[in-house]
Protein backbone atom coordinates (compact mmCIF):
# COMPACT_ATOMS: atom_id res chain seq x y z
CA MET A 1 0.00 0.00 0.00
CA ILE A 2 2.84 2.39 0.89
CA LYS A 3 4.67 1.42 -2.28
CA PHE A 4 1.54 2.15 -4.38
CA ARG A 5 1.15 5.60 -2.77
CA PHE A 6 4.82 6.35 -3.46
CA TYR A 7 4.38 5.53 -7.16
CA ARG A 8 1.21 7.60 -7.25
CA ILE A 9 2.95 10.65 -5.75
CA SER A 10 5.88 10.17 -8.14
CA ILE A 11 3.55 10.12 -11.17
CA LEU A 12 1.74 13.25 -9.93
CA LEU A 13 5.06 15.05 -9.50
CA ARG A 14 6.11 14.10 -13.01
CA LEU A 15 2.79 15.30 -14.42
CA HIS A 16 3.21 18.57 -12.50
CA GLN A 17 6.67 19.05 -13.99
CA VAL A 18 5.40 18.33 -17.51
CA TYR A 19 2.56 20.81 -17.00
CA HIS A 20 4.92 23.62 -15.94
CA PHE A 21 7.30 22.75 -18.77
CA CYS A 22 4.44 23.13 -21.28
CA ILE A 23 3.35 26.44 -19.72
CA ASN A 24 6.89 27.84 -19.86
CA LEU A 25 7.31 26.60 -23.42
CA GLN A 26 4.09 28.34 -24.39
CA ARG A 27 5.24 31.58 -22.73
CA GLU A 28 8.63 31.40 -24.42
CA SER A 29 6.95 30.64 -27.73
CA SER A 30 4.62 33.64 -27.39
CA VAL A 31 7.54 35.92 -26.49
CA TYR A 32 9.51 34.59 -29.44
CA THR A 33 6.53 35.12 -31.75
CA TYR A 34 6.10 38.68 -30.48
CA LEU A 35 9.79 39.47 -30.98
CA ALA A 36 9.75 37.90 -34.44
CA ARG A 37 6.75 40.02 -35.43
CA MET A 38 8.33 43.16 -34.00
CA LEU A 39 11.60 42.53 -35.90
CA LYS A 40 9.60 41.92 -39.07
CA TRP A 41 7.80 45.26 -38.63
CA LEU A 42 11.08 47.05 -37.97
CA LYS A 43 12.51 45.56 -41.15
CA TRP A 44 9.45 46.66 -43.14
CA LEU A 45 9.90 50.20 -41.76
CA ARG A 46 13.60 50.23 -42.86
CA ILE A 47 14.43 51.00 -39.25
CA ILE A 48 18.21 50.66 -39.70
CA ASN A 49 18.27 53.16 -42.58
CA LEU A 50 16.05 55.57 -40.64
CA LEU A 51 18.23 55.26 -37.54
CA ILE A 52 21.33 56.10 -39.58
CA VAL A 53 19.57 59.21 -40.92
CA ALA A 54 18.49 60.32 -37.43
CA LEU A 55 21.88 59.62 -35.83
CA THR A 56 23.69 61.47 -38.63
CA GLU A 57 21.58 64.56 -38.09
CA TYR A 58 21.99 64.50 -34.31
CA VAL A 59 25.76 63.94 -34.48
CA LEU A 60 26.29 66.72 -37.03
CA TYR A 61 24.07 69.25 -35.29
CA TYR A 62 24.88 68.65 -31.62
CA GLY A 63 28.42 67.45 -32.23
CA PHE A 64 29.59 70.30 -34.47
CA VAL A 65 27.07 73.07 -35.24
CA VAL A 66 25.85 73.79 -31.71
CA PRO A 67 29.34 73.70 -30.08
CA ALA A 68 30.67 76.05 -32.80
CA LEU A 69 27.85 78.52 -32.09
CA GLU A 70 28.23 78.26 -28.32
CA ARG A 71 31.98 78.90 -28.50
CA SER A 72 31.16 82.19 -30.22
CA GLY A 73 28.41 83.04 -27.74
CA ILE A 74 25.64 82.63 -30.32
CA ARG A 75 22.36 80.97 -29.45
CA PRO A 76 21.12 78.36 -31.98
CA PHE A 77 17.85 79.02 -33.78
CA PHE A 78 16.61 75.50 -33.10
CA THR A 79 15.61 74.38 -29.63
CA SER A 80 15.90 70.70 -28.78
CA GLU A 81 12.15 70.30 -29.37
CA LEU A 82 12.24 71.98 -32.79
CA PHE A 83 15.28 69.98 -33.83
CA PHE A 84 13.55 66.74 -32.81
CA LEU A 85 10.61 67.72 -35.02
CA LEU A 86 13.02 68.50 -37.87
CA VAL A 87 14.56 65.03 -37.58
CA LEU A 88 11.07 63.53 -37.41
CA CYS A 89 10.12 65.46 -40.56
CA THR A 90 13.21 64.13 -42.36
CA LEU A 91 12.34 60.58 -41.32
CA ILE A 92 8.76 61.03 -42.56
CA VAL A 93 10.00 62.15 -45.98
CA THR A 94 12.51 59.28 -46.12
CA PHE A 95 10.00 56.63 -45.05
CA SER A 96 7.38 58.00 -47.46
CA GLY A 97 9.96 57.67 -50.24
CA TYR A 98 10.56 54.04 -49.30
CA LEU A 99 6.82 53.35 -49.17
CA ILE A 100 5.90 54.88 -52.53
CA ASN A 101 8.83 53.03 -54.07
CA ASP A 102 7.55 49.73 -52.65
CA ILE A 103 4.07 50.49 -54.01
CA VAL A 104 5.36 51.17 -57.54
CA ASP A 105 7.78 48.21 -57.44
CA LEU A 106 5.28 45.67 -56.11
CA GLU A 107 5.43 43.38 -59.15
CA ILE A 108 9.15 43.91 -59.72
CA ASP A 109 9.90 42.93 -56.11
CA ARG A 110 7.89 39.72 -56.54
CA ILE A 111 10.58 38.70 -59.04
CA ASN A 112 13.66 40.17 -57.33
CA LYS A 113 12.66 39.32 -53.76
CA PRO A 114 10.07 36.53 -53.88
CA GLU A 115 10.80 35.37 -50.33
CA SER A 116 10.71 38.79 -48.65
CA ASN A 117 7.69 40.76 -47.48
CA ASN A 118 6.83 44.41 -46.86
CA LEU A 119 3.93 46.68 -45.92
CA VAL A 120 2.55 46.77 -49.45
CA ARG A 121 2.36 42.99 -49.74
CA LYS A 122 0.88 42.74 -46.27
CA TYR A 123 -1.86 45.39 -46.54
CA GLY A 124 -2.27 45.89 -50.29
CA THR A 125 -1.68 48.82 -52.61
CA LYS A 126 -4.80 50.79 -51.66
CA SER A 127 -4.12 50.76 -47.91
CA SER A 128 -0.43 51.50 -48.50
CA LYS A 129 -1.28 54.56 -50.59
CA THR A 130 -3.55 55.78 -47.78
CA ILE A 131 -0.69 55.35 -45.29
CA TYR A 132 1.62 57.19 -47.68
CA TRP A 133 -0.62 60.24 -47.97
CA ILE A 134 -1.25 60.30 -44.21
CA PHE A 135 2.51 60.48 -43.63
CA VAL A 136 3.07 63.09 -46.37
CA VAL A 137 0.29 65.41 -45.14
CA SER A 138 1.29 64.96 -41.48
CA GLY A 139 4.90 65.70 -42.36
CA PHE A 140 3.87 68.92 -44.13
CA PHE A 141 2.12 70.22 -41.02
CA VAL A 142 5.18 69.31 -38.94
CA ALA A 143 7.38 71.20 -41.45
CA LEU A 144 5.00 74.19 -41.34
CA TYR A 145 5.15 74.22 -37.53
CA ILE A 146 8.97 74.14 -37.60
CA ALA A 147 9.20 76.88 -40.24
CA TYR A 148 6.84 79.16 -38.31
CA PHE A 149 8.51 78.89 -34.90
CA ALA A 150 12.05 78.90 -36.34
CA GLU A 151 11.14 81.98 -38.42
CA MET A 152 11.99 80.16 -41.64
CA LEU A 153 8.73 80.27 -43.58
CA ASP A 154 10.74 81.24 -46.65
CA ARG A 155 12.27 77.73 -46.58
CA ILE A 156 9.04 75.71 -46.36
CA TRP A 157 9.47 74.89 -50.07
CA MET A 158 12.11 72.32 -49.12
CA TYR A 159 9.52 69.83 -47.80
CA PRO A 160 7.24 69.63 -50.89
CA LEU A 161 10.33 69.63 -53.13
CA ALA A 162 11.77 66.57 -51.35
CA VAL A 163 8.41 64.76 -51.44
CA VAL A 164 7.85 65.51 -55.15
CA LEU A 165 11.38 64.42 -56.11
CA LEU A 166 11.09 61.10 -54.25
CA TYR A 167 7.63 60.55 -55.72
CA GLY A 168 9.05 61.29 -59.16
CA TYR A 169 11.94 58.93 -58.48
CA ALA A 170 9.61 56.03 -57.75
CA HIS A 171 7.40 56.64 -60.81
CA TYR A 172 9.79 57.99 -63.45
CA PHE A 173 13.41 58.77 -62.58
CA LYS A 174 14.44 55.33 -61.35
CA LYS A 175 13.60 53.88 -64.76
CA THR A 176 16.49 55.83 -66.27
CA ALA A 177 20.17 54.90 -66.28
CA PHE A 178 21.53 57.96 -64.45
CA LEU A 179 18.86 60.27 -63.09
CA GLY A 180 17.31 57.95 -60.48
CA ASN A 181 20.54 56.97 -58.75
CA LEU A 182 21.82 60.53 -58.96
CA LEU A 183 18.66 61.80 -57.27
CA VAL A 184 18.95 59.32 -54.36
CA ALA A 185 22.63 60.17 -53.85
CA LEU A 186 21.89 63.91 -53.90
CA TYR A 187 19.09 63.45 -51.38
CA CYS A 188 21.46 61.68 -48.98
CA ALA A 189 24.05 64.45 -49.39
CA ALA A 190 21.34 67.09 -48.87
CA VAL A 191 20.35 65.52 -45.53
CA VAL A 192 23.94 66.15 -44.38
CA LEU A 193 24.12 69.74 -45.68
CA LEU A 194 20.70 70.53 -44.18
CA MET A 195 22.26 70.50 -40.70
CA TYR A 196 24.52 73.39 -41.72
CA TYR A 197 21.89 75.17 -43.79
CA ILE A 198 19.36 75.52 -40.96
CA GLU A 199 21.86 77.51 -38.88
CA MET A 200 23.64 79.22 -41.76
CA ARG A 201 22.49 82.69 -40.71
CA SER A 202 24.06 82.26 -37.29
CA LEU A 203 27.18 80.51 -38.61
CA GLN A 204 27.90 83.47 -40.91
CA SER A 205 28.84 85.41 -37.77
CA ILE A 206 31.65 82.98 -36.91
CA GLU A 207 34.98 84.08 -38.36
CA ASP A 208 36.80 80.73 -38.17
CA ARG A 209 34.18 78.42 -39.64
CA SER A 210 36.26 77.00 -42.51
CA TYR A 211 36.88 73.71 -40.65
CA LEU A 212 33.12 73.27 -40.23
CA ILE A 213 32.45 73.91 -43.92
CA GLN A 214 35.17 71.42 -44.90
CA LEU A 215 33.76 68.77 -42.57
CA PHE A 216 30.23 69.11 -43.92
CA TRP A 217 31.34 69.02 -47.55
CA PHE A 218 33.55 66.01 -46.89
CA TYR A 219 30.74 64.05 -45.27
CA ALA A 220 28.21 65.18 -47.92
CA LEU A 221 30.54 63.87 -50.66
CA PHE A 222 31.05 60.67 -48.68
CA ALA A 223 27.27 60.20 -48.38
CA PHE A 224 26.82 60.97 -52.09
CA LEU A 225 29.45 58.48 -53.31
CA THR A 226 28.57 55.62 -50.95
CA ASN A 227 24.85 55.85 -51.69
CA TYR A 228 25.46 56.14 -55.44
CA LEU A 229 27.59 52.98 -55.23
CA ARG A 230 24.90 51.27 -53.19
CA GLU A 231 22.23 52.08 -55.76
CA LEU A 232 24.38 50.79 -58.62
CA ILE A 233 25.12 47.50 -56.89
CA LYS A 234 21.44 47.13 -56.02
CA ASP A 235 20.56 47.70 -59.68
CA ALA A 236 23.03 44.99 -60.72
CA GLN A 237 21.44 42.64 -58.19
CA ASP A 238 17.87 43.40 -59.37
CA MET A 239 18.39 43.18 -63.13
CA LYS A 240 15.93 40.32 -63.65
CA GLY A 241 12.92 42.05 -62.15
CA ASP A 242 13.89 45.51 -63.48
CA ARG A 243 14.09 44.16 -67.04
CA ALA A 244 10.63 42.58 -66.67
CA GLY A 245 9.26 45.84 -65.26
CA GLY A 246 10.62 47.98 -68.09
CA VAL A 247 13.23 49.72 -65.93
CA LYS A 248 16.22 50.98 -67.94
CA SER A 249 18.75 50.96 -65.12
CA PHE A 250 22.47 51.46 -65.73
CA PRO A 251 23.29 47.70 -65.80
CA ILE A 252 20.42 47.00 -68.20
CA SER A 253 21.27 49.95 -70.47
CA TYR A 254 25.05 49.48 -70.58
CA GLY A 255 25.71 45.94 -69.35
CA LEU A 256 27.47 44.61 -66.27
CA SER A 257 31.01 45.16 -67.57
CA LYS A 258 30.54 48.91 -67.97
CA THR A 259 28.61 49.01 -64.69
CA TYR A 260 31.52 47.43 -62.80
CA LEU A 261 33.91 49.85 -64.51
CA PHE A 262 31.75 52.81 -63.44
CA ILE A 263 31.60 51.45 -59.89
CA LYS A 264 35.40 51.20 -59.84
CA TRP A 265 35.72 54.84 -60.90
CA LEU A 266 33.39 55.85 -58.06
CA LEU A 267 35.40 53.68 -55.65
CA PHE A 268 38.56 55.42 -56.82
CA LEU A 269 36.96 58.81 -56.09
CA LEU A 270 35.85 57.58 -52.68
CA LEU A 271 39.34 56.31 -51.85
CA ALA A 272 40.84 59.60 -53.03
CA LEU A 273 38.36 61.48 -50.81
CA LEU A 274 39.22 59.39 -47.74
CA VAL A 275 43.00 59.53 -48.24
CA GLY A 276 42.89 63.24 -49.06
CA TRP A 277 40.85 63.92 -45.94
CA MET A 278 43.31 61.98 -43.79
CA LEU A 279 46.25 64.00 -45.16
CA CYS A 280 44.67 67.46 -45.46
CA ALA A 281 41.91 67.58 -42.85
CA PRO A 282 41.98 70.50 -40.40
CA PHE A 283 41.70 67.92 -37.60
CA SER A 284 44.58 66.02 -36.06
CA LEU A 285 44.22 62.24 -36.38
CA SER A 286 45.37 60.03 -33.53
CA TRP A 287 46.96 56.68 -34.31
CA PHE A 288 43.79 54.92 -33.15
CA HIS A 289 41.67 57.06 -35.48
CA ALA A 290 44.05 56.42 -38.38
CA VAL A 291 43.81 52.65 -37.79
CA TYR A 292 40.01 52.93 -37.69
CA VAL A 293 39.94 54.76 -41.04
CA LEU A 294 42.22 52.17 -42.62
CA LEU A 295 40.28 49.15 -41.30
CA PHE A 296 36.67 50.31 -41.55
CA LEU A 297 36.69 52.87 -44.37
CA ILE A 298 39.60 52.22 -46.76
CA PHE A 299 39.79 48.43 -46.46
CA PRO A 300 36.06 47.94 -47.34
CA CYS A 301 36.63 50.01 -50.50
CA VAL A 302 39.52 47.72 -51.47
CA TYR A 303 37.32 44.68 -50.68
CA LEU A 304 34.55 46.06 -52.92
CA TRP A 305 37.07 46.53 -55.74
CA TYR A 306 38.31 42.96 -55.27
CA GLY A 307 34.73 41.64 -55.16
CA LEU A 308 34.02 43.14 -58.58
CA GLU A 309 36.97 41.22 -60.04
CA ARG A 310 35.35 37.86 -59.27
CA ARG A 311 33.30 37.81 -62.46
CA PRO A 312 31.06 36.07 -63.32
CA ASN A 313 30.57 35.14 -59.64
CA VAL A 314 30.14 38.63 -58.20
CA ASN A 315 28.17 38.41 -54.96
CA HIS A 316 26.05 41.55 -55.21
CA ARG A 317 24.25 40.88 -51.94
CA ARG A 318 27.52 40.69 -50.01
CA LEU A 319 28.84 43.85 -51.66
CA HIS A 320 25.59 45.62 -50.80
CA LEU A 321 25.97 44.64 -47.13
CA VAL A 322 29.60 45.82 -47.12
CA LEU A 323 28.46 49.21 -48.44
CA LYS A 324 25.84 49.45 -45.70
CA GLY A 325 28.57 48.76 -43.17
CA LEU A 326 30.78 51.37 -44.83
CA ILE A 327 28.03 54.00 -44.53
CA PHE A 328 27.60 53.22 -40.83
CA ALA A 329 31.39 53.28 -40.31
CA GLY A 330 31.42 56.75 -41.87
CA LEU A 331 28.91 57.89 -39.26
CA ILE A 332 31.05 56.48 -36.44
CA ASN A 333 34.05 58.24 -37.97
CA LEU A 334 32.40 61.60 -37.24
CA LEU A 335 32.50 60.87 -33.51
CA PHE A 336 36.30 61.09 -33.54
CA TYR A 337 36.10 64.79 -34.46
CA ILE A 338 33.59 65.91 -31.86
CA SER A 339 36.22 66.74 -29.25
CA PHE A 340 38.03 69.05 -31.69
């Protein structure tokens, strides 16, 4: 009888353990599902690209523009609240550009990226267009608020211009060999120069501002070249779907050989920019900074050049990821100059 009770208690304990194991497994599974969905949403929103845009603006403004004004005893036009709204407005324009591009490229992306998903595939073209216009109109009111309180109503034209150009890119310009990629690269450079432009009236009062102008032009050129390269490599990767969609991209118009040659010329310009900046910059480079530039800025350019030589087995996806890393490394590179 005692032995029977012992076995009975043992079975109940085992069942209790199995029950708790199943409950914990269910909780872990629900947490995993939630995280997976959240990561999927963040990917759809291009969160990494948007974070790079926001961080670039904050680093340039609060790392260089504001300290330069404060050293001269000049108060910045933009308060922290207004600058946050400006960054938000930039992100709205950028995200709206991504969204309208996904809407236009819905069928092309089914060929180029059959396994991936985005907001347009999830909610349909009609709902996505509604979301697009909600963002565009909301962003305009944010821009109007900023322009009014920053006393810059004469510059409100910048918001509709950016929206129209990105809309035109998705519908017309990206179907050309040069204009689409040029427009994207210029937009990325303009985001950099915007941080100087918004305080240009105050910065005119600073006598020794040449170092600041050089820094902004260097980083604007860096953003222009890296994003132009990124667009070209992406076009080479997406040739199949672009050809089916009637897109006359550079690789389709001129072939891969000439595309790789053009990319090499741009890489040469980028390397010349980086080396020239190291030698002629108005900032002193420490040995640690010099090693960083060599490893994370110059070496990736050499790797990209080498990757293009592996024809016909060029891994466009890998080269695209290297360029993304190069863009982020360029942002980190700015942090070395903040203490100047």
